[in-house]
Amino acid sequence: LELNTSKTGRPFIGFGGNFRLQNPKTDPEVIDYCLKN
């Protein structure tokens, strides 16, 4: 594995998430976990 630090791309901002409320039983738990961790 070779890493060429002189040639860079655009910055990676990070991960996001879809927070559409579809399943009232499970979505809140998943959302709380994701936003906490």
Full PDB file with SEQRES, HELIX, SHEET, SSBOND, CRYST1, ORIGX, SCALE, CONECT and MASTER records, all heavy atoms in Angstrom:
SEQRES   1 A   37  LEU GLU LEU ASN THR SER LYS THR GLY ARG PRO PHE ILE          
SEQRES   2 A   37  GLY PHE GLY GLY ASN PHE ARG LEU GLN ASN PRO LYS THR          
SEQRES   3 A   37  ASP PRO GLU VAL ILE ASP TYR CYS LEU LYS ASN                  
HELIX    1 AA1 ASP A   27  LYS A   36  1                                  10    
CRYST1    1.000    1.000    1.000  90.00  90.00  90.00 P 1           1          
ORIGX1      1.000000  0.000000  0.000000        0.00000                         
ORIGX2      0.000000  1.000000  0.000000        0.00000                         
ORIGX3      0.000000  0.000000  1.000000        0.00000                         
SCALE1      1.000000  0.000000  0.000000        0.00000                         
SCALE2      0.000000  1.000000  0.000000        0.00000                         
SCALE3      0.000000  0.000000  1.000000        0.00000                         
ATOM      1  N   LEU A   1       0.847  -1.186   0.000  1.00  0.00           N  
ATOM      2  CA  LEU A   1       0.000   0.000   0.000  1.00  0.00           C  
ATOM      3  C   LEU A   1       0.880   1.232   0.000  1.00  0.00           C  
ATOM      4  O   LEU A   1       1.757   1.377   0.852  1.00  0.00           O  
ATOM      5  CB  LEU A   1      -0.909   0.006   1.238  1.00  0.00           C  
ATOM      6  CG  LEU A   1      -1.804   1.236   1.427  1.00  0.00           C  
ATOM      7  CD1 LEU A   1      -2.842   1.318   0.318  1.00  0.00           C  
ATOM      8  CD2 LEU A   1      -2.493   1.193   2.789  1.00  0.00           C  
ATOM      9  N   GLU A   2       0.666   2.109  -0.986  1.00  0.00           N  
ATOM     10  CA  GLU A   2       1.408   3.352  -1.061  1.00  0.00           C  
ATOM     11  C   GLU A   2       0.445   4.517  -0.907  1.00  0.00           C  
ATOM     12  O   GLU A   2      -0.611   4.553  -1.544  1.00  0.00           O  
ATOM     13  CB  GLU A   2       2.147   3.465  -2.395  1.00  0.00           C  
ATOM     14  CG  GLU A   2       3.257   2.434  -2.565  1.00  0.00           C  
ATOM     15  CD  GLU A   2       4.030   2.627  -3.864  1.00  0.00           C  
ATOM     16  OE1 GLU A   2       3.690   3.575  -4.607  1.00  0.00           O  
ATOM     17  OE2 GLU A   2       4.955   1.846  -4.127  1.00  0.00           O  
ATOM     18  N   LEU A   3       0.798   5.466  -0.065  1.00  0.00           N  
ATOM     19  CA  LEU A   3      -0.027   6.642   0.176  1.00  0.00           C  
ATOM     20  C   LEU A   3       0.704   7.871  -0.324  1.00  0.00           C  
ATOM     21  O   LEU A   3       1.779   8.211   0.164  1.00  0.00           O  
ATOM     22  CB  LEU A   3      -0.329   6.775   1.674  1.00  0.00           C  
ATOM     23  CG  LEU A   3      -1.223   7.945   2.087  1.00  0.00           C  
ATOM     24  CD1 LEU A   3      -2.615   7.775   1.490  1.00  0.00           C  
ATOM     25  CD2 LEU A   3      -1.309   8.022   3.611  1.00  0.00           C  
ATOM     26  N   ASN A   4       0.141   8.520  -1.344  1.00  0.00           N  
ATOM     27  CA  ASN A   4       0.738   9.715  -1.920  1.00  0.00           C  
ATOM     28  C   ASN A   4       0.103  10.939  -1.270  1.00  0.00           C  
ATOM     29  O   ASN A   4      -0.988  11.381  -1.653  1.00  0.00           O  
ATOM     30  CB  ASN A   4       0.517   9.733  -3.435  1.00  0.00           C  
ATOM     31  CG  ASN A   4       1.222  10.908  -4.109  1.00  0.00           C  
ATOM     32  OD1 ASN A   4       1.796  11.774  -3.446  1.00  0.00           O  
ATOM     33  ND2 ASN A   4       1.174  10.934  -5.432  1.00  0.00           N  
ATOM     34  N   THR A   5       0.751  11.478  -0.270  1.00  0.00           N  
ATOM     35  CA  THR A   5       0.188  12.604   0.481  1.00  0.00           C  
ATOM     36  C   THR A   5       0.293  13.929  -0.277  1.00  0.00           C  
ATOM     37  O   THR A   5      -0.313  14.921   0.125  1.00  0.00           O  
ATOM     38  CB  THR A   5       0.895  12.751   1.834  1.00  0.00           C  
ATOM     39  OG1 THR A   5       2.299  12.914   1.616  1.00  0.00           O  
ATOM     40  CG2 THR A   5       0.651  11.522   2.692  1.00  0.00           C  
ATOM     41  N   SER A   6       1.033  13.932  -1.375  1.00  0.00           N  
ATOM     42  CA  SER A   6       1.165  15.178  -2.144  1.00  0.00           C  
ATOM     43  C   SER A   6      -0.010  15.403  -3.082  1.00  0.00           C  
ATOM     44  O   SER A   6      -0.216  16.498  -3.585  1.00  0.00           O  
ATOM     45  CB  SER A   6       2.468  15.161  -2.961  1.00  0.00           C  
ATOM     46  OG  SER A   6       2.418  14.135  -3.947  1.00  0.00           O  
ATOM     47  N   LYS A   7      -0.790  14.343  -3.321  1.00  0.00           N  
ATOM     48  CA  LYS A   7      -1.954  14.463  -4.209  1.00  0.00           C  
ATOM     49  C   LYS A   7      -3.215  14.244  -3.375  1.00  0.00           C  
ATOM     50  O   LYS A   7      -3.537  13.133  -2.976  1.00  0.00           O  
ATOM     51  CB  LYS A   7      -1.874  13.426  -5.328  1.00  0.00           C  
ATOM     52  CG  LYS A   7      -2.973  13.561  -6.374  1.00  0.00           C  
ATOM     53  CD  LYS A   7      -2.809  12.540  -7.495  1.00  0.00           C  
ATOM     54  CE  LYS A   7      -3.909  12.703  -8.540  1.00  0.00           C  
ATOM     55  NZ  LYS A   7      -3.778  11.702  -9.634  1.00  0.00           N  
ATOM     56  N   THR A   8      -3.906  15.312  -3.104  1.00  0.00           N  
ATOM     57  CA  THR A   8      -5.086  15.234  -2.243  1.00  0.00           C  
ATOM     58  C   THR A   8      -6.361  15.493  -3.043  1.00  0.00           C  
ATOM     59  O   THR A   8      -6.345  16.162  -4.078  1.00  0.00           O  
ATOM     60  CB  THR A   8      -5.004  16.269  -1.112  1.00  0.00           C  
ATOM     61  OG1 THR A   8      -4.918  17.578  -1.684  1.00  0.00           O  
ATOM     62  CG2 THR A   8      -3.791  16.013  -0.239  1.00  0.00           C  
ATOM     63  N   GLY A   9      -7.452  14.964  -2.549  1.00  0.00           N  
ATOM     64  CA  GLY A   9      -8.762  15.208  -3.146  1.00  0.00           C  
ATOM     65  C   GLY A   9      -9.531  16.213  -2.329  1.00  0.00           C  
ATOM     66  O   GLY A   9      -8.973  16.937  -1.501  1.00  0.00           O  
ATOM     67  N   ARG A  10     -10.822  16.252  -2.560  1.00  0.00           N  
ATOM     68  CA  ARG A  10     -11.647  17.163  -1.766  1.00  0.00           C  
ATOM     69  C   ARG A  10     -11.787  16.607  -0.350  1.00  0.00           C  
ATOM     70  O   ARG A  10     -11.718  15.392  -0.138  1.00  0.00           O  
ATOM     71  CB  ARG A  10     -13.025  17.305  -2.409  1.00  0.00           C  
ATOM     72  CG  ARG A  10     -13.032  18.197  -3.638  1.00  0.00           C  
ATOM     73  CD  ARG A  10     -14.461  18.471  -4.054  1.00  0.00           C  
ATOM     74  NE  ARG A  10     -15.140  17.217  -4.348  1.00  0.00           N  
ATOM     75  CZ  ARG A  10     -15.429  16.807  -5.577  1.00  0.00           C  
ATOM     76  NH1 ARG A  10     -15.098  17.535  -6.597  1.00  0.00           N  
ATOM     77  NH2 ARG A  10     -16.039  15.664  -5.779  1.00  0.00           N  
ATOM     78  N   PRO A  11     -12.021  17.454   0.627  1.00  0.00           N  
ATOM     79  CA  PRO A  11     -12.158  16.962   2.006  1.00  0.00           C  
ATOM     80  C   PRO A  11     -13.409  16.111   2.171  1.00  0.00           C  
ATOM     81  O   PRO A  11     -14.442  16.370   1.552  1.00  0.00           O  
ATOM     82  CB  PRO A  11     -12.264  18.256   2.827  1.00  0.00           C  
ATOM     83  CG  PRO A  11     -12.731  19.296   1.864  1.00  0.00           C  
ATOM     84  CD  PRO A  11     -12.122  18.925   0.549  1.00  0.00           C  
ATOM     85  N   PHE A  12     -13.283  15.090   3.005  1.00  0.00           N  
ATOM     86  CA  PHE A  12     -14.421  14.242   3.355  1.00  0.00           C  
ATOM     87  C   PHE A  12     -15.071  14.832   4.594  1.00  0.00           C  
ATOM     88  O   PHE A  12     -14.467  14.864   5.670  1.00  0.00           O  
ATOM     89  CB  PHE A  12     -13.949  12.810   3.608  1.00  0.00           C  
ATOM     90  CG  PHE A  12     -15.018  11.886   4.106  1.00  0.00           C  
ATOM     91  CD1 PHE A  12     -16.111  11.585   3.318  1.00  0.00           C  
ATOM     92  CD2 PHE A  12     -14.936  11.317   5.373  1.00  0.00           C  
ATOM     93  CE1 PHE A  12     -17.108  10.723   3.768  1.00  0.00           C  
ATOM     94  CE2 PHE A  12     -15.922  10.455   5.837  1.00  0.00           C  
ATOM     95  CZ  PHE A  12     -17.011  10.164   5.031  1.00  0.00           C  
ATOM     96  N   ILE A  13     -16.295  15.316   4.463  1.00  0.00           N  
ATOM     97  CA  ILE A  13     -16.954  15.999   5.578  1.00  0.00           C  
ATOM     98  C   ILE A  13     -17.286  15.010   6.688  1.00  0.00           C  
ATOM     99  O   ILE A  13     -17.163  15.311   7.864  1.00  0.00           O  
ATOM    100  CB  ILE A  13     -18.231  16.718   5.087  1.00  0.00           C  
ATOM    101  CG1 ILE A  13     -17.857  17.809   4.072  1.00  0.00           C  
ATOM    102  CG2 ILE A  13     -18.985  17.337   6.253  1.00  0.00           C  
ATOM    103  CD1 ILE A  13     -19.059  18.450   3.406  1.00  0.00           C  
ATOM    104  N   GLY A  14     -17.736  13.807   6.312  1.00  0.00           N  
ATOM    105  CA  GLY A  14     -18.076  12.815   7.313  1.00  0.00           C  
ATOM    106  C   GLY A  14     -19.366  12.091   6.973  1.00  0.00           C  
ATOM    107  O   GLY A  14     -19.853  12.147   5.846  1.00  0.00           O  
ATOM    108  N   PHE A  15     -19.934  11.438   7.970  1.00  0.00           N  
ATOM    109  CA  PHE A  15     -21.152  10.659   7.791  1.00  0.00           C  
ATOM    110  C   PHE A  15     -22.372  11.451   8.240  1.00  0.00           C  
ATOM    111  O   PHE A  15     -22.320  12.216   9.196  1.00  0.00           O  
ATOM    112  CB  PHE A  15     -21.073   9.349   8.594  1.00  0.00           C  
ATOM    113  CG  PHE A  15     -20.109   8.359   8.019  1.00  0.00           C  
ATOM    114  CD1 PHE A  15     -18.828   8.246   8.513  1.00  0.00           C  
ATOM    115  CD2 PHE A  15     -20.491   7.538   6.967  1.00  0.00           C  
ATOM    116  CE1 PHE A  15     -17.928   7.332   7.985  1.00  0.00           C  
ATOM    117  CE2 PHE A  15     -19.605   6.621   6.424  1.00  0.00           C  
ATOM    118  CZ  PHE A  15     -18.329   6.524   6.934  1.00  0.00           C  
ATOM    119  N   GLY A  16     -23.467  11.220   7.530  1.00  0.00           N  
ATOM    120  CA  GLY A  16     -24.742  11.804   7.911  1.00  0.00           C  
ATOM    121  C   GLY A  16     -25.740  10.706   8.185  1.00  0.00           C  
ATOM    122  O   GLY A  16     -25.378   9.540   8.352  1.00  0.00           O  
ATOM    123  N   GLY A  17     -27.011  11.076   8.211  1.00  0.00           N  
ATOM    124  CA  GLY A  17     -28.028  10.069   8.470  1.00  0.00           C  
ATOM    125  C   GLY A  17     -29.377  10.485   7.935  1.00  0.00           C  
ATOM    126  O   GLY A  17     -29.678  11.676   7.805  1.00  0.00           O  
ATOM    127  N   ASN A  18     -30.177   9.475   7.569  1.00  0.00           N  
ATOM    128  CA  ASN A  18     -31.573   9.698   7.196  1.00  0.00           C  
ATOM    129  C   ASN A  18     -32.426   9.546   8.451  1.00  0.00           C  
ATOM    130  O   ASN A  18     -32.365   8.514   9.121  1.00  0.00           O  
ATOM    131  CB  ASN A  18     -32.011   8.691   6.136  1.00  0.00           C  
ATOM    132  CG  ASN A  18     -31.514   9.065   4.757  1.00  0.00           C  
ATOM    133  OD1 ASN A  18     -32.150   9.832   4.062  1.00  0.00           O  
ATOM    134  ND2 ASN A  18     -30.361   8.544   4.373  1.00  0.00           N  
ATOM    135  N   PHE A  19     -33.226  10.552   8.737  1.00  0.00           N  
ATOM    136  CA  PHE A  19     -34.037  10.555   9.949  1.00  0.00           C  
ATOM    137  C   PHE A  19     -35.515  10.666   9.594  1.00  0.00           C  
ATOM    138  O   PHE A  19     -36.276  11.367  10.242  1.00  0.00           O  
ATOM    139  CB  PHE A  19     -33.592  11.695  10.867  1.00  0.00           C  
ATOM    140  CG  PHE A  19     -32.174  11.542  11.341  1.00  0.00           C  
ATOM    141  CD1 PHE A  19     -31.120  12.100  10.630  1.00  0.00           C  
ATOM    142  CD2 PHE A  19     -31.885  10.802  12.466  1.00  0.00           C  
ATOM    143  CE1 PHE A  19     -29.820  11.941  11.046  1.00  0.00           C  
ATOM    144  CE2 PHE A  19     -30.577  10.634  12.899  1.00  0.00           C  
ATOM    145  CZ  PHE A  19     -29.535  11.207  12.192  1.00  0.00           C  
ATOM    146  N   ARG A  20     -35.902   9.937   8.558  1.00  0.00           N  
ATOM    147  CA  ARG A  20     -37.310   9.848   8.197  1.00  0.00           C  
ATOM    148  C   ARG A  20     -38.016   8.922   9.185  1.00  0.00           C  
ATOM    149  O   ARG A  20     -37.529   7.820   9.457  1.00  0.00           O  
ATOM    150  CB  ARG A  20     -37.451   9.290   6.777  1.00  0.00           C  
ATOM    151  CG  ARG A  20     -38.882   9.245   6.281  1.00  0.00           C  
ATOM    152  CD  ARG A  20     -38.984   8.507   4.960  1.00  0.00           C  
ATOM    153  NE  ARG A  20     -40.348   8.501   4.458  1.00  0.00           N  
ATOM    154  CZ  ARG A  20     -40.789   7.696   3.490  1.00  0.00           C  
ATOM    155  NH1 ARG A  20     -39.954   6.833   2.936  1.00  0.00           N  
ATOM    156  NH2 ARG A  20     -42.043   7.751   3.094  1.00  0.00           N  
ATOM    157  N   LEU A  21     -39.132   9.353   9.717  1.00  0.00           N  
ATOM    158  CA  LEU A  21     -39.859   8.575  10.721  1.00  0.00           C  
ATOM    159  C   LEU A  21     -40.847   7.656  10.023  1.00  0.00           C  
ATOM    160  O   LEU A  21     -41.923   8.069   9.609  1.00  0.00           O  
ATOM    161  CB  LEU A  21     -40.578   9.527  11.683  1.00  0.00           C  
ATOM    162  CG  LEU A  21     -39.659  10.502  12.449  1.00  0.00           C  
ATOM    163  CD1 LEU A  21     -40.480  11.539  13.184  1.00  0.00           C  
ATOM    164  CD2 LEU A  21     -38.762   9.743  13.415  1.00  0.00           C  
ATOM    165  N   GLN A  22     -40.473   6.384   9.894  1.00  0.00           N  
ATOM    166  CA  GLN A  22     -41.321   5.406   9.211  1.00  0.00           C  
ATOM    167  C   GLN A  22     -41.914   4.376  10.159  1.00  0.00           C  
ATOM    168  O   GLN A  22     -43.062   3.991  10.033  1.00  0.00           O  
ATOM    169  CB  GLN A  22     -40.520   4.685   8.118  1.00  0.00           C  
ATOM    170  CG  GLN A  22     -40.163   5.569   6.934  1.00  0.00           C  
ATOM    171  CD  GLN A  22     -39.329   4.816   5.908  1.00  0.00           C  
ATOM    172  OE1 GLN A  22     -38.124   4.691   6.056  1.00  0.00           O  
ATOM    173  NE2 GLN A  22     -39.975   4.313   4.879  1.00  0.00           N  
ATOM    174  N   ASN A  23     -41.096   3.904  11.093  1.00  0.00           N  
ATOM    175  CA  ASN A  23     -41.546   2.869  12.025  1.00  0.00           C  
ATOM    176  C   ASN A  23     -41.543   3.437  13.436  1.00  0.00           C  
ATOM    177  O   ASN A  23     -40.490   3.588  14.054  1.00  0.00           O  
ATOM    178  CB  ASN A  23     -40.631   1.646  11.948  1.00  0.00           C  
ATOM    179  CG  ASN A  23     -41.184   0.457  12.706  1.00  0.00           C  
ATOM    180  OD1 ASN A  23     -41.777   0.606  13.759  1.00  0.00           O  
ATOM    181  ND2 ASN A  23     -40.969  -0.734  12.160  1.00  0.00           N  
ATOM    182  N   PRO A  24     -42.719   3.777  13.974  1.00  0.00           N  
ATOM    183  CA  PRO A  24     -42.771   4.435  15.297  1.00  0.00           C  
ATOM    184  C   PRO A  24     -42.252   3.574  16.433  1.00  0.00           C  
ATOM    185  O   PRO A  24     -41.893   4.093  17.491  1.00  0.00           O  
ATOM    186  CB  PRO A  24     -44.266   4.747  15.473  1.00  0.00           C  
ATOM    187  CG  PRO A  24     -44.983   3.816  14.551  1.00  0.00           C  
ATOM    188  CD  PRO A  24     -44.063   3.600  13.391  1.00  0.00           C  
ATOM    189  N   LYS A  25     -42.189   2.238  16.238  1.00  0.00           N  
ATOM    190  CA  LYS A  25     -41.725   1.357  17.304  1.00  0.00           C  
ATOM    191  C   LYS A  25     -40.205   1.313  17.399  1.00  0.00           C  
ATOM    192  O   LYS A  25     -39.640   1.284  18.497  1.00  0.00           O  
ATOM    193  CB  LYS A  25     -42.276  -0.052  17.096  1.00  0.00           C  
ATOM    194  CG  LYS A  25     -43.791  -0.165  17.301  1.00  0.00           C  
ATOM    195  CD  LYS A  25     -44.242  -1.621  17.154  1.00  0.00           C  
ATOM    196  CE  LYS A  25     -45.750  -1.749  17.390  1.00  0.00           C  
ATOM    197  NZ  LYS A  25     -46.209  -3.157  17.255  1.00  0.00           N  
ATOM    198  N   THR A  26     -39.551   1.273  16.254  1.00  0.00           N  
ATOM    199  CA  THR A  26     -38.099   1.062  16.267  1.00  0.00           C  
ATOM    200  C   THR A  26     -37.279   2.301  15.906  1.00  0.00           C  
ATOM    201  O   THR A  26     -36.141   2.430  16.352  1.00  0.00           O  
ATOM    202  CB  THR A  26     -37.713  -0.065  15.292  1.00  0.00           C  
ATOM    203  OG1 THR A  26     -38.165   0.286  13.967  1.00  0.00           O  
ATOM    204  CG2 THR A  26     -38.365  -1.376  15.705  1.00  0.00           C  
ATOM    205  N   ASP A  27     -37.831   3.209  15.108  1.00  0.00           N  
ATOM    206  CA  ASP A  27     -37.049   4.361  14.655  1.00  0.00           C  
ATOM    207  C   ASP A  27     -36.513   5.224  15.801  1.00  0.00           C  
ATOM    208  O   ASP A  27     -35.337   5.620  15.768  1.00  0.00           O  
ATOM    209  CB  ASP A  27     -37.865   5.218  13.686  1.00  0.00           C  
ATOM    210  CG  ASP A  27     -37.983   4.583  12.311  1.00  0.00           C  
ATOM    211  OD1 ASP A  27     -37.296   3.567  12.083  1.00  0.00           O  
ATOM    212  OD2 ASP A  27     -38.744   5.089  11.475  1.00  0.00           O  
ATOM    213  N   PRO A  28     -37.321   5.566  16.815  1.00  0.00           N  
ATOM    214  CA  PRO A  28     -36.789   6.418  17.886  1.00  0.00           C  
ATOM    215  C   PRO A  28     -35.559   5.832  18.568  1.00  0.00           C  
ATOM    216  O   PRO A  28     -34.596   6.552  18.863  1.00  0.00           O  
ATOM    217  CB  PRO A  28     -37.976   6.528  18.856  1.00  0.00           C  
ATOM    218  CG  PRO A  28     -39.180   6.358  17.992  1.00  0.00           C  
ATOM    219  CD  PRO A  28     -38.766   5.324  16.977  1.00  0.00           C  
ATOM    220  N   GLU A  29     -35.560   4.518  18.804  1.00  0.00           N  
ATOM    221  CA  GLU A  29     -34.421   3.875  19.457  1.00  0.00           C  
ATOM    222  C   GLU A  29     -33.168   3.947  18.582  1.00  0.00           C  
ATOM    223  O   GLU A  29     -32.070   4.236  19.065  1.00  0.00           O  
ATOM    224  CB  GLU A  29     -34.762   2.419  19.770  1.00  0.00           C  
ATOM    225  CG  GLU A  29     -33.673   1.681  20.525  1.00  0.00           C  
ATOM    226  CD  GLU A  29     -34.042   0.239  20.846  1.00  0.00           C  
ATOM    227  OE1 GLU A  29     -35.163  -0.187  20.476  1.00  0.00           O  
ATOM    228  OE2 GLU A  29     -33.233  -0.452  21.466  1.00  0.00           O  
ATOM    229  N   VAL A  30     -33.349   3.694  17.281  1.00  0.00           N  
ATOM    230  CA  VAL A  30     -32.215   3.744  16.353  1.00  0.00           C  
ATOM    231  C   VAL A  30     -31.675   5.168  16.254  1.00  0.00           C  
ATOM    232  O   VAL A  30     -30.457   5.396  16.267  1.00  0.00           O  
ATOM    233  CB  VAL A  30     -32.632   3.224  14.964  1.00  0.00           C  
ATOM    234  CG1 VAL A  30     -31.508   3.426  13.964  1.00  0.00           C  
ATOM    235  CG2 VAL A  30     -33.022   1.755  15.036  1.00  0.00           C  
ATOM    236  N   ILE A  31     -32.594   6.133  16.161  1.00  0.00           N  
ATOM    237  CA  ILE A  31     -32.187   7.536  16.051  1.00  0.00           C  
ATOM    238  C   ILE A  31     -31.427   7.975  17.295  1.00  0.00           C  
ATOM    239  O   ILE A  31     -30.364   8.611  17.206  1.00  0.00           O  
ATOM    240  CB  ILE A  31     -33.418   8.428  15.803  1.00  0.00           C  
ATOM    241  CG1 ILE A  31     -33.942   8.204  14.381  1.00  0.00           C  
ATOM    242  CG2 ILE A  31     -33.084   9.900  16.027  1.00  0.00           C  
ATOM    243  CD1 ILE A  31     -35.293   8.832  14.117  1.00  0.00           C  
ATOM    244  N   ASP A  32     -31.958   7.636  18.471  1.00  0.00           N  
ATOM    245  CA  ASP A  32     -31.281   8.019  19.715  1.00  0.00           C  
ATOM    246  C   ASP A  32     -29.879   7.436  19.776  1.00  0.00           C  
ATOM    247  O   ASP A  32     -28.923   8.109  20.177  1.00  0.00           O  
ATOM    248  CB  ASP A  32     -32.092   7.540  20.920  1.00  0.00           C  
ATOM    249  CG  ASP A  32     -33.388   8.326  21.108  1.00  0.00           C  
ATOM    250  OD1 ASP A  32     -33.524   9.401  20.499  1.00  0.00           O  
ATOM    251  OD2 ASP A  32     -34.269   7.852  21.862  1.00  0.00           O  
ATOM    252  N   TYR A  33     -29.747   6.174  19.361  1.00  0.00           N  
ATOM    253  CA  TYR A  33     -28.430   5.533  19.392  1.00  0.00           C  
ATOM    254  C   TYR A  33     -27.453   6.230  18.451  1.00  0.00           C  
ATOM    255  O   TYR A  33     -26.310   6.514  18.820  1.00  0.00           O  
ATOM    256  CB  TYR A  33     -28.557   4.060  19.013  1.00  0.00           C  
ATOM    257  CG  TYR A  33     -27.226   3.330  19.013  1.00  0.00           C  
ATOM    258  CD1 TYR A  33     -26.732   2.752  20.183  1.00  0.00           C  
ATOM    259  CD2 TYR A  33     -26.450   3.260  17.858  1.00  0.00           C  
ATOM    260  CE1 TYR A  33     -25.505   2.107  20.197  1.00  0.00           C  
ATOM    261  CE2 TYR A  33     -25.219   2.627  17.864  1.00  0.00           C  
ATOM    262  CZ  TYR A  33     -24.755   2.049  19.032  1.00  0.00           C  
ATOM    263  OH  TYR A  33     -23.525   1.429  19.053  1.00  0.00           O  
ATOM    264  N   CYS A  34     -27.915   6.511  17.237  1.00  0.00           N  
ATOM    265  CA  CYS A  34     -27.034   7.137  16.237  1.00  0.00           C  
ATOM    266  C   CYS A  34     -26.585   8.535  16.679  1.00  0.00           C  
ATOM    267  O   CYS A  34     -25.407   8.885  16.567  1.00  0.00           O  
ATOM    268  CB  CYS A  34     -27.738   7.208  14.887  1.00  0.00           C  
ATOM    269  SG  CYS A  34     -27.974   5.610  14.088  1.00  0.00           S  
ATOM    270  N   LEU A  35     -27.515   9.315  17.192  1.00  0.00           N  
ATOM    271  CA  LEU A  35     -27.167  10.681  17.597  1.00  0.00           C  
ATOM    272  C   LEU A  35     -26.284  10.702  18.836  1.00  0.00           C  
ATOM    273  O   LEU A  35     -25.510  11.636  19.039  1.00  0.00           O  
ATOM    274  CB  LEU A  35     -28.438  11.490  17.830  1.00  0.00           C  
ATOM    275  CG  LEU A  35     -29.271  11.781  16.573  1.00  0.00           C  
ATOM    276  CD1 LEU A  35     -30.524  12.562  16.920  1.00  0.00           C  
ATOM    277  CD2 LEU A  35     -28.453  12.545  15.535  1.00  0.00           C  
ATOM    278  N   LYS A  36     -26.378   9.651  19.643  1.00  0.00           N  
ATOM    279  CA  LYS A  36     -25.552   9.574  20.843  1.00  0.00           C  
ATOM    280  C   LYS A  36     -24.147   9.068  20.533  1.00  0.00           C  
ATOM    281  O   LYS A  36     -23.171   9.505  21.151  1.00  0.00           O  
ATOM    282  CB  LYS A  36     -26.219   8.653  21.874  1.00  0.00           C  
ATOM    283  CG  LYS A  36     -25.446   8.522  23.180  1.00  0.00           C  
ATOM    284  CD  LYS A  36     -26.172   7.591  24.148  1.00  0.00           C  
ATOM    285  CE  LYS A  36     -25.370   7.427  25.447  1.00  0.00           C  
ATOM    286  NZ  LYS A  36     -26.050   6.518  26.404  1.00  0.00           N  
ATOM    287  N   ASN A  37     -24.025   8.170  19.559  1.00  0.00           N  
ATOM    288  CA  ASN A  37     -22.755   7.473  19.352  1.00  0.00           C  
ATOM    289  C   ASN A  37     -22.015   7.845  18.074  1.00  0.00           C  
ATOM    290  O   ASN A  37     -20.850   7.481  17.920  1.00  0.00           O  
ATOM    291  CB  ASN A  37     -23.000   5.957  19.350  1.00  0.00           C  
ATOM    292  CG  ASN A  37     -23.446   5.441  20.704  1.00  0.00           C  
ATOM    293  OD1 ASN A  37     -22.637   5.240  21.599  1.00  0.00           O  
ATOM    294  ND2 ASN A  37     -24.751   5.247  20.864  1.00  0.00           N  
TER     295      ASN A  37                                                      
MASTER        0    0    0    1    0    0    0    6  294    1    0    3          
END                                                                             
